[in-house]
């Protein structure tokens, strides 16, 4: 199984930008469908974006489309989430996930069998 570790979270002002990274260790990173989710305090974990194994297919949650961009660098075993124009409602713990169970993008957290520990993003005024 692949091991995942997120980084790049922190405090950012309204309207600011952040780029989250998710470094993976383990074999066959190129074979995994990857995704980003987030969980705000007291709320369920929600889907943000998913990217296919070779990066050719990307699926974004409509509410963040245009502000959040997912990408991957298979040579570096790393997944990214570029976020712009951040708002207070983007405050959450952000998780990356990997799936060896599916062959294309998915918004269902149950499709992912590997999860990182999460990184906190806090948007302040």
C-alpha atoms as a PDB file:
ATOM      1  CA  UNK A   1       0.000   0.000   0.000  1.00  0.00           C
ATOM      2  CA  UNK A   2       1.052   3.554  -0.629  1.00  0.00           C
ATOM      3  CA  UNK A   3       1.725   5.890   2.289  1.00  0.00           C
ATOM      4  CA  UNK A   4       0.647   9.510   1.990  1.00  0.00           C
ATOM      5  CA  UNK A   5       1.755  12.683   3.757  1.00  0.00           C
ATOM      6  CA  UNK A   6       0.236  16.095   3.186  1.00  0.00           C
ATOM      7  CA  UNK A   7       2.042  19.402   3.600  1.00  0.00           C
ATOM      8  CA  UNK A   8       1.577  23.038   2.711  1.00  0.00           C
ATOM      9  CA  UNK A   9      -1.317  23.924   4.977  1.00  0.00           C
ATOM     10  CA  UNK A  10      -1.331  26.898   7.305  1.00  0.00           C
ATOM     11  CA  UNK A  11      -2.831  30.310   7.922  1.00  0.00           C
ATOM     12  CA  UNK A  12      -3.805  32.419   4.950  1.00  0.00           C
ATOM     13  CA  UNK A  13      -5.783  35.614   4.575  1.00  0.00           C
ATOM     14  CA  UNK A  14      -9.057  35.884   2.697  1.00  0.00           C
ATOM     15  CA  UNK A  15      -8.348  35.974  -1.005  1.00  0.00           C
ATOM     16  CA  UNK A  16      -4.972  34.345  -0.590  1.00  0.00           C
ATOM     17  CA  UNK A  17      -3.547  31.207  -2.142  1.00  0.00           C
ATOM     18  CA  UNK A  18      -1.977  27.967  -0.979  1.00  0.00           C
ATOM     19  CA  UNK A  19      -0.554  24.933  -2.670  1.00  0.00           C
ATOM     20  CA  UNK A  20      -0.940  21.666  -0.829  1.00  0.00           C
ATOM     21  CA  UNK A  21       1.333  18.752  -1.562  1.00  0.00           C
ATOM     22  CA  UNK A  22       0.871  15.073  -0.882  1.00  0.00           C
ATOM     23  CA  UNK A  23       4.021  13.003  -0.999  1.00  0.00           C
ATOM     24  CA  UNK A  24       3.618   9.292  -1.529  1.00  0.00           C
ATOM     25  CA  UNK A  25       5.911   6.446  -0.678  1.00  0.00           C
ATOM     26  CA  UNK A  26       5.603   2.889  -1.827  1.00  0.00           C
ATOM     27  CA  UNK A  27       5.503   1.113  -5.116  1.00  0.00           C
ATOM     28  CA  UNK A  28       3.412   1.791  -8.165  1.00  0.00           C
ATOM     29  CA  UNK A  29       2.314   5.339  -7.379  1.00  0.00           C
ATOM     30  CA  UNK A  30       1.524   5.711 -11.061  1.00  0.00           C
ATOM     31  CA  UNK A  31      -1.227   3.101 -10.771  1.00  0.00           C
ATOM     32  CA  UNK A  32      -3.294   4.967  -8.168  1.00  0.00           C
ATOM     33  CA  UNK A  33      -6.244   7.225  -8.700  1.00  0.00           C
ATOM     34  CA  UNK A  34      -5.759  10.158  -6.341  1.00  0.00           C
ATOM     35  CA  UNK A  35      -8.111  12.555  -4.647  1.00  0.00           C
ATOM     36  CA  UNK A  36      -8.414  15.502  -2.294  1.00  0.00           C
ATOM     37  CA  UNK A  37     -11.042  15.808   0.420  1.00  0.00           C
ATOM     38  CA  UNK A  38     -11.561  18.206   3.293  1.00  0.00           C
ATOM     39  CA  UNK A  39     -13.332  18.144   6.617  1.00  0.00           C
ATOM     40  CA  UNK A  40     -14.443  21.218   8.500  1.00  0.00           C
ATOM     41  CA  UNK A  41     -15.099  21.093  12.259  1.00  0.00           C
ATOM     42  CA  UNK A  42     -18.321  19.288  13.001  1.00  0.00           C
ATOM     43  CA  UNK A  43     -18.934  18.419   9.376  1.00  0.00           C
ATOM     44  CA  UNK A  44     -18.515  15.399   7.158  1.00  0.00           C
ATOM     45  CA  UNK A  45     -15.509  14.839   4.951  1.00  0.00           C
ATOM     46  CA  UNK A  46     -16.290  16.163   1.479  1.00  0.00           C
ATOM     47  CA  UNK A  47     -14.798  15.591  -1.926  1.00  0.00           C
ATOM     48  CA  UNK A  48     -12.833  18.267  -3.733  1.00  0.00           C
ATOM     49  CA  UNK A  49     -11.064  16.776  -6.718  1.00  0.00           C
ATOM     50  CA  UNK A  50      -9.824  13.551  -8.221  1.00  0.00           C
ATOM     51  CA  UNK A  51      -7.217  12.757 -10.851  1.00  0.00           C
ATOM     52  CA  UNK A  52      -6.650   9.577 -12.795  1.00  0.00           C
ATOM     53  CA  UNK A  53      -3.493   7.478 -12.629  1.00  0.00           C
ATOM     54  CA  UNK A  54      -1.823   9.130 -15.630  1.00  0.00           C
ATOM     55  CA  UNK A  55      -3.371  12.525 -14.966  1.00  0.00           C
ATOM     56  CA  UNK A  56      -5.474  12.571 -18.080  1.00  0.00           C
ATOM     57  CA  UNK A  57      -8.845  12.728 -16.335  1.00  0.00           C
ATOM     58  CA  UNK A  58      -9.689  15.276 -13.663  1.00  0.00           C
ATOM     59  CA  UNK A  59     -12.953  15.629 -11.804  1.00  0.00           C
ATOM     60  CA  UNK A  60     -13.637  18.661  -9.644  1.00  0.00           C
ATOM     61  CA  UNK A  61     -16.364  19.317  -7.141  1.00  0.00           C
ATOM     62  CA  UNK A  62     -18.377  22.089  -8.813  1.00  0.00           C
ATOM     63  CA  UNK A  63     -18.272  24.387  -5.816  1.00  0.00           C
ATOM     64  CA  UNK A  64     -14.478  24.689  -6.000  1.00  0.00           C
ATOM     65  CA  UNK A  65     -14.005  24.398  -9.742  1.00  0.00           C
ATOM     66  CA  UNK A  66     -12.119  27.407 -11.002  1.00  0.00           C
ATOM     67  CA  UNK A  67     -10.486  28.025  -7.615  1.00  0.00           C
ATOM     68  CA  UNK A  68      -8.926  24.641  -6.845  1.00  0.00           C
ATOM     69  CA  UNK A  69      -6.694  22.802  -9.308  1.00  0.00           C
ATOM     70  CA  UNK A  70      -5.496  19.255  -8.807  1.00  0.00           C
ATOM     71  CA  UNK A  71      -2.365  17.916 -10.488  1.00  0.00           C
ATOM     72  CA  UNK A  72       0.143  15.158 -10.033  1.00  0.00           C
ATOM     73  CA  UNK A  73       3.801  14.585 -10.820  1.00  0.00           C
ATOM     74  CA  UNK A  74       4.325  10.855 -11.122  1.00  0.00           C
ATOM     75  CA  UNK A  75       8.087  11.322 -11.444  1.00  0.00           C
ATOM     76  CA  UNK A  76       8.088  12.890  -7.969  1.00  0.00           C
ATOM     77  CA  UNK A  77       5.367  10.667  -6.482  1.00  0.00           C
ATOM     78  CA  UNK A  78       3.500  13.809  -5.485  1.00  0.00           C
ATOM     79  CA  UNK A  79      -0.068  15.077  -5.701  1.00  0.00           C
ATOM     80  CA  UNK A  80      -0.875  18.780  -5.557  1.00  0.00           C
ATOM     81  CA  UNK A  81      -3.845  21.008  -4.864  1.00  0.00           C
ATOM     82  CA  UNK A  82      -3.447  24.615  -5.895  1.00  0.00           C
ATOM     83  CA  UNK A  83      -6.014  26.822  -4.170  1.00  0.00           C
ATOM     84  CA  UNK A  84      -6.698  30.449  -4.989  1.00  0.00           C
ATOM     85  CA  UNK A  85      -9.124  33.101  -3.771  1.00  0.00           C
ATOM     86  CA  UNK A  86      -9.554  31.366  -0.440  1.00  0.00           C
ATOM     87  CA  UNK A  87     -12.513  32.178   1.784  1.00  0.00           C
ATOM     88  CA  UNK A  88     -13.287  31.476   5.455  1.00  0.00           C
ATOM     89  CA  UNK A  89     -15.512  28.543   4.445  1.00  0.00           C
ATOM     90  CA  UNK A  90     -12.420  26.852   3.025  1.00  0.00           C
ATOM     91  CA  UNK A  91     -11.102  26.421   6.557  1.00  0.00           C
ATOM     92  CA  UNK A  92     -10.759  22.689   7.137  1.00  0.00           C
ATOM     93  CA  UNK A  93      -8.391  19.792   7.415  1.00  0.00           C
ATOM     94  CA  UNK A  94      -7.386  18.726   3.926  1.00  0.00           C
ATOM     95  CA  UNK A  95      -6.728  15.076   3.148  1.00  0.00           C
ATOM     96  CA  UNK A  96      -5.197  13.370   0.167  1.00  0.00           C
ATOM     97  CA  UNK A  97      -6.285   9.877  -0.746  1.00  0.00           C
ATOM     98  CA  UNK A  98      -5.194   7.143  -3.111  1.00  0.00           C
ATOM     99  CA  UNK A  99      -7.126   4.264  -4.552  1.00  0.00           C
ATOM    100  CA  UNK A 100      -6.020   0.942  -5.950  1.00  0.00           C
ATOM    101  CA  UNK A 101      -9.662  -0.120  -6.206  1.00  0.00           C
ATOM    102  CA  UNK A 102     -10.861   1.991  -9.092  1.00  0.00           C
ATOM    103  CA  UNK A 103      -9.694   2.777 -12.616  1.00  0.00           C
ATOM    104  CA  UNK A 104     -11.003   6.300 -12.993  1.00  0.00           C
ATOM    105  CA  UNK A 105     -11.774   9.350 -10.922  1.00  0.00           C
ATOM    106  CA  UNK A 106     -14.252   9.166  -8.074  1.00  0.00           C
ATOM    107  CA  UNK A 107     -15.876  11.484  -5.556  1.00  0.00           C
ATOM    108  CA  UNK A 108     -16.751   8.702  -3.111  1.00  0.00           C
ATOM    109  CA  UNK A 109     -14.467   8.487  -0.095  1.00  0.00           C
ATOM    110  CA  UNK A 110     -15.276   4.776   0.179  1.00  0.00           C
ATOM    111  CA  UNK A 111     -13.475   4.229  -3.135  1.00  0.00           C
ATOM    112  CA  UNK A 112     -10.161   5.292  -1.580  1.00  0.00           C
ATOM    113  CA  UNK A 113      -8.209   2.804   0.492  1.00  0.00           C
ATOM    114  CA  UNK A 114      -5.204   4.963   1.436  1.00  0.00           C
ATOM    115  CA  UNK A 115      -5.367   8.252   3.336  1.00  0.00           C
ATOM    116  CA  UNK A 116      -2.951  10.815   4.614  1.00  0.00           C
ATOM    117  CA  UNK A 117      -3.085  12.322   8.103  1.00  0.00           C
ATOM    118  CA  UNK A 118      -4.354  15.660   6.864  1.00  0.00           C
ATOM    119  CA  UNK A 119      -3.085  19.233   6.881  1.00  0.00           C
ATOM    120  CA  UNK A 120      -4.911  22.172   8.440  1.00  0.00           C
ATOM    121  CA  UNK A 121      -5.875  25.155   6.320  1.00  0.00           C
ATOM    122  CA  UNK A 122      -7.206  28.204   8.137  1.00  0.00           C
ATOM    123  CA  UNK A 123      -8.448  31.243   6.262  1.00  0.00           C
ATOM    124  CA  UNK A 124      -8.532  34.422   8.340  1.00  0.00           C
ATOM    125  CA  UNK A 125      -9.624  37.990   7.835  1.00  0.00           C
END
